[in-house]
PDB file of N, CA and C in Angstrom:
ATOM      1  N   MET A   1      28.211  40.515   0.946  1.00  0.00           N
ATOM      2  CA  MET A   1      26.993  39.829   0.571  1.00  0.00           C
ATOM      3  C   MET A   1      26.000  39.859   1.737  1.00  0.00           C
ATOM      4  N   LYS A   2      24.790  40.280   1.468  1.00  0.00           N
ATOM      5  CA  LYS A   2      23.769  40.401   2.495  1.00  0.00           C
ATOM      6  C   LYS A   2      23.145  39.033   2.778  1.00  0.00           C
ATOM      7  N   ILE A   3      23.019  38.687   4.058  1.00  0.00           N
ATOM      8  CA  ILE A   3      22.370  37.446   4.461  1.00  0.00           C
ATOM      9  C   ILE A   3      20.863  37.648   4.409  1.00  0.00           C
ATOM     10  N   LYS A   4      20.173  36.662   3.847  1.00  0.00           N
ATOM     11  CA  LYS A   4      18.718  36.728   3.766  1.00  0.00           C
ATOM     12  C   LYS A   4      18.112  36.831   5.165  1.00  0.00           C
ATOM     13  N   ASP A   5      17.035  37.602   5.266  1.00  0.00           N
ATOM     14  CA  ASP A   5      16.326  37.702   6.537  1.00  0.00           C
ATOM     15  C   ASP A   5      15.407  36.507   6.754  1.00  0.00           C
ATOM     16  N   GLU A   6      14.866  35.971   5.672  1.00  0.00           N
ATOM     17  CA  GLU A   6      13.981  34.815   5.768  1.00  0.00           C
ATOM     18  C   GLU A   6      14.683  33.578   5.224  1.00  0.00           C
ATOM     19  N   ALA A   7      14.397  32.454   5.844  1.00  0.00           N
ATOM     20  CA  ALA A   7      14.893  31.186   5.338  1.00  0.00           C
ATOM     21  C   ALA A   7      13.738  30.455   4.667  1.00  0.00           C
ATOM     22  N   LYS A   8      14.043  29.809   3.564  1.00  0.00           N
ATOM     23  CA  LYS A   8      13.067  28.973   2.867  1.00  0.00           C
ATOM     24  C   LYS A   8      13.331  27.534   3.308  1.00  0.00           C
ATOM     25  N   VAL A   9      12.389  26.962   4.071  1.00  0.00           N
ATOM     26  CA  VAL A   9      12.565  25.626   4.626  1.00  0.00           C
ATOM     27  C   VAL A   9      11.502  24.708   4.027  1.00  0.00           C
ATOM     28  N   THR A  10      11.949  23.737   3.250  1.00  0.00           N
ATOM     29  CA  THR A  10      11.052  22.770   2.635  1.00  0.00           C
ATOM     30  C   THR A  10      11.192  21.461   3.396  1.00  0.00           C
ATOM     31  N   ILE A  11      10.070  20.950   3.872  1.00  0.00           N
ATOM     32  CA  ILE A  11      10.064  19.767   4.732  1.00  0.00           C
ATOM     33  C   ILE A  11       9.156  18.705   4.135  1.00  0.00           C
ATOM     34  N   GLN A  12       9.643  17.463   4.149  1.00  0.00           N
ATOM     35  CA  GLN A  12       8.788  16.357   3.746  1.00  0.00           C
ATOM     36  C   GLN A  12       7.767  16.124   4.845  1.00  0.00           C
ATOM     37  N   ARG A  13       6.504  16.079   4.465  1.00  0.00           N
ATOM     38  CA  ARG A  13       5.403  15.870   5.414  1.00  0.00           C
ATOM     39  C   ARG A  13       4.697  14.564   5.078  1.00  0.00           C
ATOM     40  N   PHE A  14       4.253  13.868   6.106  1.00  0.00           N
ATOM     41  CA  PHE A  14       3.477  12.646   5.924  1.00  0.00           C
ATOM     42  C   PHE A  14       2.688  12.369   7.193  1.00  0.00           C
ATOM     43  N   ASP A  15       1.376  12.268   7.060  1.00  0.00           N
ATOM     44  CA  ASP A  15       0.497  11.903   8.164  1.00  0.00           C
ATOM     45  C   ASP A  15      -0.230  10.637   7.736  1.00  0.00           C
ATOM     46  N   PRO A  16       0.089   9.507   8.344  1.00  0.00           N
ATOM     47  CA  PRO A  16      -0.510   8.241   7.908  1.00  0.00           C
ATOM     48  C   PRO A  16      -2.030   8.185   8.055  1.00  0.00           C
ATOM     49  N   THR A  17      -2.599   9.073   8.859  1.00  0.00           N
ATOM     50  CA  THR A  17      -4.054   9.069   9.026  1.00  0.00           C
ATOM     51  C   THR A  17      -4.770   9.774   7.869  1.00  0.00           C
ATOM     52  N   THR A  18      -4.039  10.603   7.111  1.00  0.00           N
ATOM     53  CA  THR A  18      -4.685  11.335   6.020  1.00  0.00           C
ATOM     54  C   THR A  18      -3.977  11.232   4.674  1.00  0.00           C
ATOM     55  N   ASP A  19      -2.686  10.892   4.660  1.00  0.00           N
ATOM     56  CA  ASP A  19      -1.906  10.894   3.416  1.00  0.00           C
ATOM     57  C   ASP A  19      -1.620   9.479   2.924  1.00  0.00           C
ATOM     58  N   LYS A  20      -1.664   9.320   1.603  1.00  0.00           N
ATOM     59  CA  LYS A  20      -1.262   8.047   1.001  1.00  0.00           C
ATOM     60  C   LYS A  20       0.232   8.056   0.701  1.00  0.00           C
ATOM     61  N   GLU A  21       0.753   9.211   0.367  1.00  0.00           N
ATOM     62  CA  GLU A  21       2.166   9.383   0.014  1.00  0.00           C
ATOM     63  C   GLU A  21       2.703  10.639   0.695  1.00  0.00           C
ATOM     64  N   PRO A  22       4.015  10.676   0.955  1.00  0.00           N
ATOM     65  CA  PRO A  22       4.615  11.909   1.492  1.00  0.00           C
ATOM     66  C   PRO A  22       4.473  13.066   0.499  1.00  0.00           C
ATOM     67  N   LYS A  23       4.472  14.279   1.022  1.00  0.00           N
ATOM     68  CA  LYS A  23       4.410  15.501   0.208  1.00  0.00           C
ATOM     69  C   LYS A  23       5.411  16.491   0.798  1.00  0.00           C
ATOM     70  N   TYR A  24       5.628  17.592   0.129  1.00  0.00           N
ATOM     71  CA  TYR A  24       6.567  18.609   0.614  1.00  0.00           C
ATOM     72  C   TYR A  24       5.818  19.899   0.904  1.00  0.00           C
ATOM     73  N   GLN A  25       6.227  20.552   1.995  1.00  0.00           N
ATOM     74  CA  GLN A  25       5.630  21.822   2.379  1.00  0.00           C
ATOM     75  C   GLN A  25       6.757  22.810   2.640  1.00  0.00           C
ATOM     76  N   THR A  26       6.592  24.024   2.151  1.00  0.00           N
ATOM     77  CA  THR A  26       7.618  25.056   2.309  1.00  0.00           C
ATOM     78  C   THR A  26       7.143  26.118   3.290  1.00  0.00           C
ATOM     79  N   TYR A  27       8.061  26.500   4.175  1.00  0.00           N
ATOM     80  CA  TYR A  27       7.795  27.534   5.178  1.00  0.00           C
ATOM     81  C   TYR A  27       8.808  28.648   4.996  1.00  0.00           C
ATOM     82  N   MET A  28       8.370  29.868   5.146  1.00  0.00           N
ATOM     83  CA  MET A  28       9.266  31.020   5.152  1.00  0.00           C
ATOM     84  C   MET A  28       9.461  31.402   6.619  1.00  0.00           C
ATOM     85  N   VAL A  29      10.696  31.237   7.090  1.00  0.00           N
ATOM     86  CA  VAL A  29      11.007  31.420   8.508  1.00  0.00           C
ATOM     87  C   VAL A  29      11.772  32.718   8.705  1.00  0.00           C
ATOM     88  N   PRO A  30      11.303  33.614   9.568  1.00  0.00           N
ATOM     89  CA  PRO A  30      12.020  34.864   9.807  1.00  0.00           C
ATOM     90  C   PRO A  30      13.371  34.598  10.474  1.00  0.00           C
ATOM     91  N   ALA A  31      14.240  35.589  10.420  1.00  0.00           N
ATOM     92  CA  ALA A  31      15.611  35.454  10.936  1.00  0.00           C
ATOM     93  C   ALA A  31      15.643  34.951  12.370  1.00  0.00           C
ATOM     94  N   CYS A  32      14.695  35.358  13.200  1.00  0.00           N
ATOM     95  CA  CYS A  32      14.696  34.926  14.605  1.00  0.00           C
ATOM     96  C   CYS A  32      14.479  33.424  14.742  1.00  0.00           C
ATOM     97  N   GLY A  33      14.024  32.771  13.691  1.00  0.00           N
ATOM     98  CA  GLY A  33      13.771  31.341  13.733  1.00  0.00           C
ATOM     99  C   GLY A  33      14.828  30.491  13.064  1.00  0.00           C
ATOM    100  N   TRP A  34      15.870  31.127  12.513  1.00  0.00           N
ATOM    101  CA  TRP A  34      16.906  30.317  11.865  1.00  0.00           C
ATOM    102  C   TRP A  34      18.325  30.876  12.002  1.00  0.00           C
ATOM    103  N   LYS A  35      18.479  32.177  11.961  1.00  0.00           N
ATOM    104  CA  LYS A  35      19.815  32.781  11.939  1.00  0.00           C
ATOM    105  C   LYS A  35      20.580  32.476  13.222  1.00  0.00           C
ATOM    106  N   ASP A  36      21.788  31.931  13.068  1.00  0.00           N
ATOM    107  CA  ASP A  36      22.656  31.556  14.192  1.00  0.00           C
ATOM    108  C   ASP A  36      22.041  30.485  15.084  1.00  0.00           C
ATOM    109  N   LEU A  37      21.146  29.669  14.534  1.00  0.00           N
ATOM    110  CA  LEU A  37      20.503  28.582  15.276  1.00  0.00           C
ATOM    111  C   LEU A  37      20.782  27.249  14.590  1.00  0.00           C
ATOM    112  N   LYS A  38      20.539  26.185  15.313  1.00  0.00           N
ATOM    113  CA  LYS A  38      20.663  24.830  14.760  1.00  0.00           C
ATOM    114  C   LYS A  38      19.377  24.482  14.011  1.00  0.00           C
ATOM    115  N   VAL A  39      19.455  23.489  13.130  1.00  0.00           N
ATOM    116  CA  VAL A  39      18.277  23.036  12.386  1.00  0.00           C
ATOM    117  C   VAL A  39      17.158  22.639  13.343  1.00  0.00           C
ATOM    118  N   LEU A  40      17.494  21.968  14.424  1.00  0.00           N
ATOM    119  CA  LEU A  40      16.488  21.556  15.404  1.00  0.00           C
ATOM    120  C   LEU A  40      15.738  22.763  15.979  1.00  0.00           C
ATOM    121  N   ASP A  41      16.443  23.858  16.220  1.00  0.00           N
ATOM    122  CA  ASP A  41      15.796  25.078  16.713  1.00  0.00           C
ATOM    123  C   ASP A  41      14.828  25.641  15.672  1.00  0.00           C
ATOM    124  N   THR A  42      15.208  25.557  14.402  1.00  0.00           N
ATOM    125  CA  THR A  42      14.335  26.037  13.333  1.00  0.00           C
ATOM    126  C   THR A  42      13.081  25.183  13.236  1.00  0.00           C
ATOM    127  N   LEU A  43      13.237  23.869  13.352  1.00  0.00           N
ATOM    128  CA  LEU A  43      12.061  22.989  13.348  1.00  0.00           C
ATOM    129  C   LEU A  43      11.139  23.316  14.521  1.00  0.00           C
ATOM    130  N   ARG A  44      11.718  23.557  15.662  1.00  0.00           N
ATOM    131  CA  ARG A  44      10.914  23.923  16.835  1.00  0.00           C
ATOM    132  C   ARG A  44      10.188  25.252  16.579  1.00  0.00           C
ATOM    133  N   TYR A  45      10.879  26.220  15.965  1.00  0.00           N
ATOM    134  CA  TYR A  45      10.237  27.503  15.646  1.00  0.00           C
ATOM    135  C   TYR A  45       9.028  27.269  14.731  1.00  0.00           C
ATOM    136  N   ILE A  46       9.217  26.464  13.693  1.00  0.00           N
ATOM    137  CA  ILE A  46       8.119  26.177  12.760  1.00  0.00           C
ATOM    138  C   ILE A  46       6.950  25.537  13.518  1.00  0.00           C
ATOM    139  N   GLN A  47       7.255  24.568  14.371  1.00  0.00           N
ATOM    140  CA  GLN A  47       6.202  23.886  15.118  1.00  0.00           C
ATOM    141  C   GLN A  47       5.468  24.837  16.069  1.00  0.00           C
ATOM    142  N   GLN A  48       6.194  25.722  16.725  1.00  0.00           N
ATOM    143  CA  GLN A  48       5.583  26.611  17.711  1.00  0.00           C
ATOM    144  C   GLN A  48       4.897  27.836  17.116  1.00  0.00           C
ATOM    145  N   HIS A  49       5.366  28.297  15.952  1.00  0.00           N
ATOM    146  CA  HIS A  49       4.850  29.560  15.407  1.00  0.00           C
ATOM    147  C   HIS A  49       4.148  29.454  14.056  1.00  0.00           C
ATOM    148  N   LEU A  50       4.449  28.417  13.277  1.00  0.00           N
ATOM    149  CA  LEU A  50       3.896  28.353  11.924  1.00  0.00           C
ATOM    150  C   LEU A  50       2.999  27.146  11.680  1.00  0.00           C
ATOM    151  N   ASP A  51       3.321  26.002  12.276  1.00  0.00           N
ATOM    152  CA  ASP A  51       2.558  24.788  12.004  1.00  0.00           C
ATOM    153  C   ASP A  51       2.718  23.797  13.157  1.00  0.00           C
ATOM    154  N   GLY A  52       1.774  23.811  14.072  1.00  0.00           N
ATOM    155  CA  GLY A  52       1.829  22.954  15.244  1.00  0.00           C
ATOM    156  C   GLY A  52       1.715  21.470  14.953  1.00  0.00           C
ATOM    157  N   SER A  53       1.355  21.111  13.728  1.00  0.00           N
ATOM    158  CA  SER A  53       1.202  19.699  13.393  1.00  0.00           C
ATOM    159  C   SER A  53       2.514  19.035  12.962  1.00  0.00           C
ATOM    160  N   LEU A  54       3.591  19.797  12.813  1.00  0.00           N
ATOM    161  CA  LEU A  54       4.875  19.236  12.381  1.00  0.00           C
ATOM    162  C   LEU A  54       5.438  18.296  13.441  1.00  0.00           C
ATOM    163  N   SER A  55       5.830  17.082  13.016  1.00  0.00           N
ATOM    164  CA  SER A  55       6.383  16.089  13.934  1.00  0.00           C
ATOM    165  C   SER A  55       7.847  15.816  13.634  1.00  0.00           C
ATOM    166  N   PHE A  56       8.664  15.811  14.690  1.00  0.00           N
ATOM    167  CA  PHE A  56      10.091  15.491  14.602  1.00  0.00           C
ATOM    168  C   PHE A  56      10.537  15.069  15.986  1.00  0.00           C
ATOM    169  N   ARG A  57      11.701  14.443  16.036  1.00  0.00           N
ATOM    170  CA  ARG A  57      12.223  14.007  17.335  1.00  0.00           C
ATOM    171  C   ARG A  57      13.287  14.968  17.815  1.00  0.00           C
ATOM    172  N   GLU A  58      13.276  15.224  19.114  1.00  0.00           N
ATOM    173  CA  GLU A  58      14.342  16.004  19.730  1.00  0.00           C
ATOM    174  C   GLU A  58      14.705  15.400  21.069  1.00  0.00           C
ATOM    175  N   SER A  59      14.653  14.083  21.142  1.00  0.00           N
ATOM    176  CA  SER A  59      14.953  13.365  22.381  1.00  0.00           C
ATOM    177  C   SER A  59      16.373  13.593  22.859  1.00  0.00           C
ATOM    178  N   CYS A  60      17.255  13.959  21.950  1.00  0.00           N
ATOM    179  CA  CYS A  60      18.640  14.193  22.354  1.00  0.00           C
ATOM    180  C   CYS A  60      18.710  15.316  23.384  1.00  0.00           C
ATOM    181  N   ARG A  61      17.822  16.275  23.293  1.00  0.00           N
ATOM    182  CA  ARG A  61      17.821  17.378  24.260  1.00  0.00           C
ATOM    183  C   ARG A  61      16.967  17.065  25.475  1.00  0.00           C
ATOM    184  N   GLN A  62      15.843  16.392  25.267  1.00  0.00           N
ATOM    185  CA  GLN A  62      14.929  16.106  26.373  1.00  0.00           C
ATOM    186  C   GLN A  62      15.401  14.948  27.234  1.00  0.00           C
ATOM    187  N   TYR A  63      15.819  13.853  26.603  1.00  0.00           N
ATOM    188  CA  TYR A  63      16.129  12.632  27.338  1.00  0.00           C
ATOM    189  C   TYR A  63      17.564  12.159  27.144  1.00  0.00           C
ATOM    190  N   GLN A  64      18.383  12.958  26.512  1.00  0.00           N
ATOM    191  CA  GLN A  64      19.790  12.656  26.250  1.00  0.00           C
ATOM    192  C   GLN A  64      19.955  11.339  25.496  1.00  0.00           C
ATOM    193  N   ILE A  65      19.126  11.127  24.492  1.00  0.00           N
ATOM    194  CA  ILE A  65      19.233   9.972  23.615  1.00  0.00           C
ATOM    195  C   ILE A  65      19.840  10.477  22.304  1.00  0.00           C
ATOM    196  N   CYS A  66      21.137  10.346  22.184  1.00  0.00           N
ATOM    197  CA  CYS A  66      21.845  10.882  21.022  1.00  0.00           C
ATOM    198  C   CYS A  66      21.433  10.164  19.742  1.00  0.00           C
ATOM    199  N   SER A  67      21.347  10.903  18.682  1.00  0.00           N
ATOM    200  CA  SER A  67      21.024  10.510  17.305  1.00  0.00           C
ATOM    201  C   SER A  67      19.528  10.370  17.051  1.00  0.00           C
ATOM    202  N   ALA A  68      18.680  10.668  18.023  1.00  0.00           N
ATOM    203  CA  ALA A  68      17.235  10.605  17.811  1.00  0.00           C
ATOM    204  C   ALA A  68      16.783  11.648  16.784  1.00  0.00           C
ATOM    205  N   CYS A  69      17.538  12.734  16.635  1.00  0.00           N
ATOM    206  CA  CYS A  69      17.161  13.807  15.702  1.00  0.00           C
ATOM    207  C   CYS A  69      17.848  13.656  14.339  1.00  0.00           C
ATOM    208  N   THR A  70      18.305  12.450  14.016  1.00  0.00           N
ATOM    209  CA  THR A  70      18.936  12.213  12.719  1.00  0.00           C
ATOM    210  C   THR A  70      17.916  12.401  11.610  1.00  0.00           C
ATOM    211  N   MET A  71      18.279  13.162  10.592  1.00  0.00           N
ATOM    212  CA  MET A  71      17.423  13.400   9.426  1.00  0.00           C
ATOM    213  C   MET A  71      18.287  13.822   8.254  1.00  0.00           C
ATOM    214  N   MET A  72      17.683  13.974   7.106  1.00  0.00           N
ATOM    215  CA  MET A  72      18.386  14.453   5.926  1.00  0.00           C
ATOM    216  C   MET A  72      18.223  15.974   5.858  1.00  0.00           C
ATOM    217  N   VAL A  73      19.344  16.676   5.824  1.00  0.00           N
ATOM    218  CA  VAL A  73      19.325  18.128   5.689  1.00  0.00           C
ATOM    219  C   VAL A  73      20.110  18.451   4.424  1.00  0.00           C
ATOM    220  N   ASN A  74      19.427  18.993   3.437  1.00  0.00           N
ATOM    221  CA  ASN A  74      20.030  19.293   2.136  1.00  0.00           C
ATOM    222  C   ASN A  74      20.726  18.064   1.554  1.00  0.00           C
ATOM    223  N   LYS A  75      20.003  16.941   1.608  1.00  0.00           N
ATOM    224  CA  LYS A  75      20.421  15.660   1.004  1.00  0.00           C
ATOM    225  C   LYS A  75      21.588  14.983   1.709  1.00  0.00           C
ATOM    226  N   LYS A  76      21.918  15.412   2.946  1.00  0.00           N
ATOM    227  CA  LYS A  76      22.984  14.785   3.725  1.00  0.00           C
ATOM    228  C   LYS A  76      22.427  14.342   5.070  1.00  0.00           C
ATOM    229  N   VAL A  77      22.813  13.133   5.500  1.00  0.00           N
ATOM    230  CA  VAL A  77      22.405  12.660   6.822  1.00  0.00           C
ATOM    231  C   VAL A  77      23.070  13.541   7.863  1.00  0.00           C
ATOM    232  N   ALA A  78      22.273  14.027   8.815  1.00  0.00           N
ATOM    233  CA  ALA A  78      22.801  14.961   9.817  1.00  0.00           C
ATOM    234  C   ALA A  78      22.033  14.848  11.119  1.00  0.00           C
ATOM    235  N   LEU A  79      22.686  15.266  12.187  1.00  0.00           N
ATOM    236  CA  LEU A  79      21.999  15.434  13.458  1.00  0.00           C
ATOM    237  C   LEU A  79      21.474  16.865  13.484  1.00  0.00           C
ATOM    238  N   ALA A  80      20.166  17.016  13.576  1.00  0.00           N
ATOM    239  CA  ALA A  80      19.560  18.345  13.529  1.00  0.00           C
ATOM    240  C   ALA A  80      19.993  19.227  14.697  1.00  0.00           C
ATOM    241  N   CYS A  81      20.455  18.600  15.786  1.00  0.00           N
ATOM    242  CA  CYS A  81      20.904  19.370  16.944  1.00  0.00           C
ATOM    243  C   CYS A  81      22.328  19.899  16.771  1.00  0.00           C
ATOM    244  N   GLU A  82      23.033  19.454  15.724  1.00  0.00           N
ATOM    245  CA  GLU A  82      24.415  19.886  15.511  1.00  0.00           C
ATOM    246  C   GLU A  82      24.610  20.785  14.292  1.00  0.00           C
ATOM    247  N   VAL A  83      23.766  20.635  13.283  1.00  0.00           N
ATOM    248  CA  VAL A  83      23.933  21.361  12.024  1.00  0.00           C
ATOM    249  C   VAL A  83      23.306  22.752  12.126  1.00  0.00           C
ATOM    250  N   MET A  84      24.042  23.740  11.674  1.00  0.00           N
ATOM    251  CA  MET A  84      23.526  25.108  11.683  1.00  0.00           C
ATOM    252  C   MET A  84      22.475  25.298  10.586  1.00  0.00           C
ATOM    253  N   ALA A  85      21.436  26.028  10.905  1.00  0.00           N
ATOM    254  CA  ALA A  85      20.402  26.356   9.932  1.00  0.00           C
ATOM    255  C   ALA A  85      20.988  27.293   8.881  1.00  0.00           C
ATOM    256  N   SER A  86      20.401  27.273   7.690  1.00  0.00           N
ATOM    257  CA  SER A  86      20.881  28.108   6.594  1.00  0.00           C
ATOM    258  C   SER A  86      19.687  28.756   5.898  1.00  0.00           C
ATOM    259  N   PRO A  87      19.934  29.726   5.020  1.00  0.00           N
ATOM    260  CA  PRO A  87      18.823  30.452   4.389  1.00  0.00           C
ATOM    261  C   PRO A  87      17.934  29.589   3.498  1.00  0.00           C
ATOM    262  N   GLU A  88      18.427  28.431   3.074  1.00  0.00           N
ATOM    263  CA  GLU A  88      17.611  27.533   2.274  1.00  0.00           C
ATOM    264  C   GLU A  88      17.886  26.106   2.735  1.00  0.00           C
ATOM    265  N   MET A  89      16.835  25.436   3.189  1.00  0.00           N
ATOM    266  CA  MET A  89      16.997  24.075   3.690  1.00  0.00           C
ATOM    267  C   MET A  89      15.925  23.165   3.114  1.00  0.00           C
ATOM    268  N   PHE A  90      16.345  21.937   2.820  1.00  0.00           N
ATOM    269  CA  PHE A  90      15.477  20.879   2.328  1.00  0.00           C
ATOM    270  C   PHE A  90      15.621  19.750   3.334  1.00  0.00           C
ATOM    271  N   ILE A  91      14.555  19.442   4.087  1.00  0.00           N
ATOM    272  CA  ILE A  91      14.643  18.513   5.210  1.00  0.00           C
ATOM    273  C   ILE A  91      13.706  17.334   4.980  1.00  0.00           C
ATOM    274  N   GLU A  92      14.290  16.130   5.113  1.00  0.00           N
ATOM    275  CA  GLU A  92      13.541  14.894   4.917  1.00  0.00           C
ATOM    276  C   GLU A  92      13.885  13.912   6.039  1.00  0.00           C
ATOM    277  N   PRO A  93      13.033  12.896   6.242  1.00  0.00           N
ATOM    278  CA  PRO A  93      13.384  11.880   7.228  1.00  0.00           C
ATOM    279  C   PRO A  93      14.577  11.067   6.732  1.00  0.00           C
ATOM    280  N   VAL A  94      15.305  10.467   7.666  1.00  0.00           N
ATOM    281  CA  VAL A  94      16.441   9.637   7.293  1.00  0.00           C
ATOM    282  C   VAL A  94      15.904   8.437   6.495  1.00  0.00           C
ATOM    283  N   PRO A  95      16.574   8.077   5.396  1.00  0.00           N
ATOM    284  CA  PRO A  95      16.065   6.995   4.543  1.00  0.00           C
ATOM    285  C   PRO A  95      16.283   5.606   5.141  1.00  0.00           C
ATOM    286  N   ARG A  96      15.624   4.637   4.565  1.00  0.00           N
ATOM    287  CA  ARG A  96      15.758   3.208   4.879  1.00  0.00           C
ATOM    288  C   ARG A  96      15.211   2.811   6.242  1.00  0.00           C
ATOM    289  N   TYR A  97      14.395   3.646   6.840  1.00  0.00           N
ATOM    290  CA  TYR A  97      13.717   3.310   8.089  1.00  0.00           C
ATOM    291  C   TYR A  97      12.230   3.547   7.891  1.00  0.00           C
ATOM    292  N   PRO A  98      11.391   2.767   8.547  1.00  0.00           N
ATOM    293  CA  PRO A  98       9.945   2.964   8.393  1.00  0.00           C
ATOM    294  C   PRO A  98       9.525   4.372   8.849  1.00  0.00           C
ATOM    295  N   LEU A  99       8.778   5.036   7.989  1.00  0.00           N
ATOM    296  CA  LEU A  99       8.300   6.387   8.269  1.00  0.00           C
ATOM    297  C   LEU A  99       7.061   6.318   9.151  1.00  0.00           C
ATOM    298  N   ILE A 100       7.092   7.056  10.259  1.00  0.00           N
ATOM    299  CA  ILE A 100       5.962   7.086  11.182  1.00  0.00           C
ATOM    300  C   ILE A 100       5.092   8.307  10.883  1.00  0.00           C
ATOM    301  N   LYS A 101       5.699   9.499  10.934  1.00  0.00           N
ATOM    302  CA  LYS A 101       4.992  10.748  10.623  1.00  0.00           C
ATOM    303  C   LYS A 101       6.022  11.842  10.392  1.00  0.00           C
ATOM    304  N   ASP A 102       5.846  12.610   9.342  1.00  0.00           N
ATOM    305  CA  ASP A 102       6.724  13.728   8.991  1.00  0.00           C
ATOM    306  C   ASP A 102       8.194  13.314   9.038  1.00  0.00           C
ATOM    307  N   LEU A 103       8.965  13.816   9.993  1.00  0.00           N
ATOM    308  CA  LEU A 103      10.394  13.518  10.080  1.00  0.00           C
ATOM    309  C   LEU A 103      10.703  12.412  11.084  1.00  0.00           C
ATOM    310  N   VAL A 104       9.667  11.780  11.623  1.00  0.00           N
ATOM    311  CA  VAL A 104       9.830  10.733  12.624  1.00  0.00           C
ATOM    312  C   VAL A 104       9.852   9.366  11.945  1.00  0.00           C
ATOM    313  N   VAL A 105      10.916   8.614  12.189  1.00  0.00           N
ATOM    314  CA  VAL A 105      11.030   7.252  11.672  1.00  0.00           C
ATOM    315  C   VAL A 105      11.226   6.291  12.841  1.00  0.00           C
ATOM    316  N   SER A 106      11.017   5.012  12.566  1.00  0.00           N
ATOM    317  CA  SER A 106      11.281   3.977  13.562  1.00  0.00           C
ATOM    318  C   SER A 106      12.714   3.495  13.357  1.00  0.00           C
ATOM    319  N   PHE A 107      13.509   3.547  14.403  1.00  0.00           N
ATOM    320  CA  PHE A 107      14.895   3.102  14.314  1.00  0.00           C
ATOM    321  C   PHE A 107      15.054   1.630  14.691  1.00  0.00           C
ATOM    322  N   GLU A 108      13.956   0.924  14.875  1.00  0.00           N
ATOM    323  CA  GLU A 108      14.040  -0.497  15.225  1.00  0.00           C
ATOM    324  C   GLU A 108      14.460  -1.296  14.011  1.00  0.00           C
ATOM    325  N   ARG A 109      15.238  -2.336  14.246  1.00  0.00           N
ATOM    326  CA  ARG A 109      15.681  -3.212  13.152  1.00  0.00           C
ATOM    327  C   ARG A 109      14.490  -3.918  12.554  1.00  0.00           C
ATOM    328  N   ARG A 110      14.533  -4.054  11.205  1.00  0.00           N
ATOM    329  CA  ARG A 110      13.414  -4.675  10.509  1.00  0.00           C
ATOM    330  C   ARG A 110      13.683  -6.126  10.126  1.00  0.00           C
ATOM    331  N   GLY A 111      14.893  -6.592  10.237  1.00  0.00           N
ATOM    332  CA  GLY A 111      15.157  -7.966   9.839  1.00  0.00           C
ATOM    333  C   GLY A 111      16.632  -8.250   9.794  1.00  0.00           C
ATOM    334  N   LYS A 112      16.982  -9.495   9.479  1.00  0.00           N
ATOM    335  CA  LYS A 112      18.374  -9.915   9.472  1.00  0.00           C
ATOM    336  C   LYS A 112      19.194  -9.200   8.405  1.00  0.00           C
ATOM    337  N   GLU A 113      18.551  -8.794   7.308  1.00  0.00           N
ATOM    338  CA  GLU A 113      19.309  -8.135   6.239  1.00  0.00           C
ATOM    339  C   GLU A 113      19.924  -6.823   6.683  1.00  0.00           C
ATOM    340  N   GLU A 114      19.427  -6.225   7.776  1.00  0.00           N
ATOM    341  CA  GLU A 114      19.972  -4.964   8.271  1.00  0.00           C
ATOM    342  C   GLU A 114      20.870  -5.166   9.481  1.00  0.00           C
ATOM    343  N   ALA A 115      21.020  -6.395   9.899  1.00  0.00           N
ATOM    344  CA  ALA A 115      21.842  -6.673  11.108  1.00  0.00           C
ATOM    345  C   ALA A 115      23.307  -6.446  10.844  1.00  0.00           C
TER     346      ALA A 115
END
C-alpha cells in the first residue's frame, strides 16, 4: 500500500478578535511536513510555511512544561509532541477549557466544580 505524499490536516480555528464561533480549516501538507514527524512538528510546518496566523502551544519543547501541547487529535486527547502525524488528521483544542485562540486553551481552574 502506497503512503500518501500529502496529508490532509483539518484544524479548528478561532480568533476572538474576528470570529463569533470556531470554524474548521483544511491544509494539504507535503510529506516533508508530516511523514515520520510528530503532530507538533506538522503544526509548526503549517505555521511556518502555510499559515503564520495558526496558534498552538509548544511550551513542552521550549520551556519543558509538559502537557502544554495537549489537544484533540482525531477525536482523542493527545500530547502533540508524542503522537505521530498521519495522512489524515482532525485537530481541535482540548475540550472543557476556555478557548483562547485556535488550539490554545486556558488550563486554569474555573471553579470548585472542576476541583
